[in-house]
Amino acid sequence: MTDCGCDKAKAELEEYLHQELSEQDFLDISEHLSNCADCTAEHLVGITLTEKVRKACQEKAPEELRAAVTARIQELTAR
């Protein structure tokens, strides 16, 4: 493993947070974060923002709308 450096870690932080990197890139950034306080701080901000957005996006459609959509799907698939 090679320390990837701040530029790469910061550029790929979003992909890192969502585990959308190759295994090697993920390991490189993990190693970098274990040794860089500045990038670790940005990583923690990213985790916090990701969690806040996830919690805020848990809205559900009104029951009447969900029932209407479900009924329509069942109607279309019964044909």
C-alpha atoms as a PDB file:
ATOM      1  CA  MET A   1       0.000   0.000   0.000  1.00  0.00           C
ATOM      2  CA  THR A   2       1.133   3.508  -0.754  1.00  0.00           C
ATOM      3  CA  ASP A   3      -0.022   6.642   1.005  1.00  0.00           C
ATOM      4  CA  CYS A   4      -2.158   8.306  -1.636  1.00  0.00           C
ATOM      5  CA  GLY A   5      -1.759  11.919  -0.442  1.00  0.00           C
ATOM      6  CA  CYS A   6      -4.244  14.597   0.490  1.00  0.00           C
ATOM      7  CA  ASP A   7      -5.218  15.554  -3.063  1.00  0.00           C
ATOM      8  CA  LYS A   8      -6.352  12.042  -3.958  1.00  0.00           C
ATOM      9  CA  ALA A   9      -8.005  11.430  -0.578  1.00  0.00           C
ATOM     10  CA  LYS A  10     -10.009  14.652  -0.781  1.00  0.00           C
ATOM     11  CA  ALA A  11     -10.890  14.182  -4.458  1.00  0.00           C
ATOM     12  CA  GLU A  12     -12.232  10.671  -3.831  1.00  0.00           C
ATOM     13  CA  LEU A  13     -13.755  11.224  -0.396  1.00  0.00           C
ATOM     14  CA  GLU A  14     -17.355  10.961  -1.619  1.00  0.00           C
ATOM     15  CA  GLU A  15     -16.668   7.662  -3.372  1.00  0.00           C
ATOM     16  CA  TYR A  16     -14.788   6.475  -0.289  1.00  0.00           C
ATOM     17  CA  LEU A  17     -17.759   7.293   1.965  1.00  0.00           C
ATOM     18  CA  HIS A  18     -20.067   5.228  -0.246  1.00  0.00           C
ATOM     19  CA  GLN A  19     -17.530   2.436  -0.796  1.00  0.00           C
ATOM     20  CA  GLU A  20     -17.504   3.030  -4.555  1.00  0.00           C
ATOM     21  CA  LEU A  21     -13.736   2.671  -5.038  1.00  0.00           C
ATOM     22  CA  SER A  22     -11.573  -0.212  -6.082  1.00  0.00           C
ATOM     23  CA  GLU A  23     -10.257  -2.246  -3.185  1.00  0.00           C
ATOM     24  CA  GLN A  24      -6.753  -0.810  -3.619  1.00  0.00           C
ATOM     25  CA  ASP A  25      -7.945   2.814  -3.755  1.00  0.00           C
ATOM     26  CA  PHE A  26     -10.109   2.200  -0.684  1.00  0.00           C
ATOM     27  CA  LEU A  27      -7.117   0.760   1.196  1.00  0.00           C
ATOM     28  CA  ASP A  28      -4.843   3.612   0.073  1.00  0.00           C
ATOM     29  CA  ILE A  29      -7.286   6.247   1.301  1.00  0.00           C
ATOM     30  CA  SER A  30      -7.903   4.345   4.540  1.00  0.00           C
ATOM     31  CA  GLU A  31      -4.161   4.302   5.160  1.00  0.00           C
ATOM     32  CA  HIS A  32      -3.914   8.004   4.389  1.00  0.00           C
ATOM     33  CA  LEU A  33      -6.773   8.838   6.748  1.00  0.00           C
ATOM     34  CA  SER A  34      -5.062   6.953   9.557  1.00  0.00           C
ATOM     35  CA  ASN A  35      -2.065   9.299   9.234  1.00  0.00           C
ATOM     36  CA  CYS A  36      -3.573  12.678   8.257  1.00  0.00           C
ATOM     37  CA  ALA A  37      -5.558  14.723  10.777  1.00  0.00           C
ATOM     38  CA  ASP A  38      -6.756  17.220   8.142  1.00  0.00           C
ATOM     39  CA  CYS A  39      -8.220  14.566   5.837  1.00  0.00           C
ATOM     40  CA  THR A  40      -9.636  12.659   8.807  1.00  0.00           C
ATOM     41  CA  ALA A  41     -11.503  15.812   9.860  1.00  0.00           C
ATOM     42  CA  GLU A  42     -12.951  16.156   6.345  1.00  0.00           C
ATOM     43  CA  HIS A  43     -13.893  12.480   6.418  1.00  0.00           C
ATOM     44  CA  LEU A  44     -15.791  12.986   9.686  1.00  0.00           C
ATOM     45  CA  VAL A  45     -17.636  15.963   8.178  1.00  0.00           C
ATOM     46  CA  GLY A  46     -18.535  13.788   5.193  1.00  0.00           C
ATOM     47  CA  ILE A  47     -19.841  11.028   7.450  1.00  0.00           C
ATOM     48  CA  THR A  48     -21.938  13.525   9.406  1.00  0.00           C
ATOM     49  CA  LEU A  49     -23.411  15.098   6.261  1.00  0.00           C
ATOM     50  CA  THR A  50     -24.145  11.719   4.699  1.00  0.00           C
ATOM     51  CA  GLU A  51     -25.951  10.581   7.850  1.00  0.00           C
ATOM     52  CA  LYS A  52     -27.971  13.811   8.114  1.00  0.00           C
ATOM     53  CA  VAL A  53     -29.070  13.562   4.473  1.00  0.00           C
ATOM     54  CA  ARG A  54     -29.970   9.885   4.904  1.00  0.00           C
ATOM     55  CA  LYS A  55     -32.137  10.692   7.932  1.00  0.00           C
ATOM     56  CA  ALA A  56     -33.776  13.662   6.206  1.00  0.00           C
ATOM     57  CA  CYS A  57     -34.708  11.575   3.155  1.00  0.00           C
ATOM     58  CA  GLN A  58     -36.853   9.034   4.942  1.00  0.00           C
ATOM     59  CA  GLU A  59     -40.156  10.600   3.941  1.00  0.00           C
ATOM     60  CA  LYS A  60     -42.911   8.279   2.813  1.00  0.00           C
ATOM     61  CA  ALA A  61     -45.695   8.979   0.383  1.00  0.00           C
ATOM     62  CA  PRO A  62     -49.150   9.459   1.910  1.00  0.00           C
ATOM     63  CA  GLU A  63     -50.977   6.173   2.503  1.00  0.00           C
ATOM     64  CA  GLU A  64     -53.669   7.033  -0.080  1.00  0.00           C
ATOM     65  CA  LEU A  65     -51.067   7.588  -2.790  1.00  0.00           C
ATOM     66  CA  ARG A  66     -49.190   4.411  -1.910  1.00  0.00           C
ATOM     67  CA  ALA A  67     -52.444   2.422  -2.015  1.00  0.00           C
ATOM     68  CA  ALA A  68     -53.381   3.920  -5.394  1.00  0.00           C
ATOM     69  CA  VAL A  69     -49.964   3.150  -6.884  1.00  0.00           C
ATOM     70  CA  THR A  70     -49.999  -0.393  -5.501  1.00  0.00           C
ATOM     71  CA  ALA A  71     -53.494  -0.981  -6.877  1.00  0.00           C
ATOM     72  CA  ARG A  72     -52.466   0.327 -10.294  1.00  0.00           C
ATOM     73  CA  ILE A  73     -49.381  -1.898 -10.372  1.00  0.00           C
ATOM     74  CA  GLN A  74     -51.467  -4.917  -9.473  1.00  0.00           C
ATOM     75  CA  GLU A  75     -53.988  -3.979 -12.156  1.00  0.00           C
ATOM     76  CA  LEU A  76     -51.253  -3.690 -14.806  1.00  0.00           C
ATOM     77  CA  THR A  77     -49.505  -6.903 -13.836  1.00  0.00           C
ATOM     78  CA  ALA A  78     -52.788  -8.875 -13.841  1.00  0.00           C
ATOM     79  CA  ARG A  79     -53.246  -8.239 -17.563  1.00  0.00           C
END
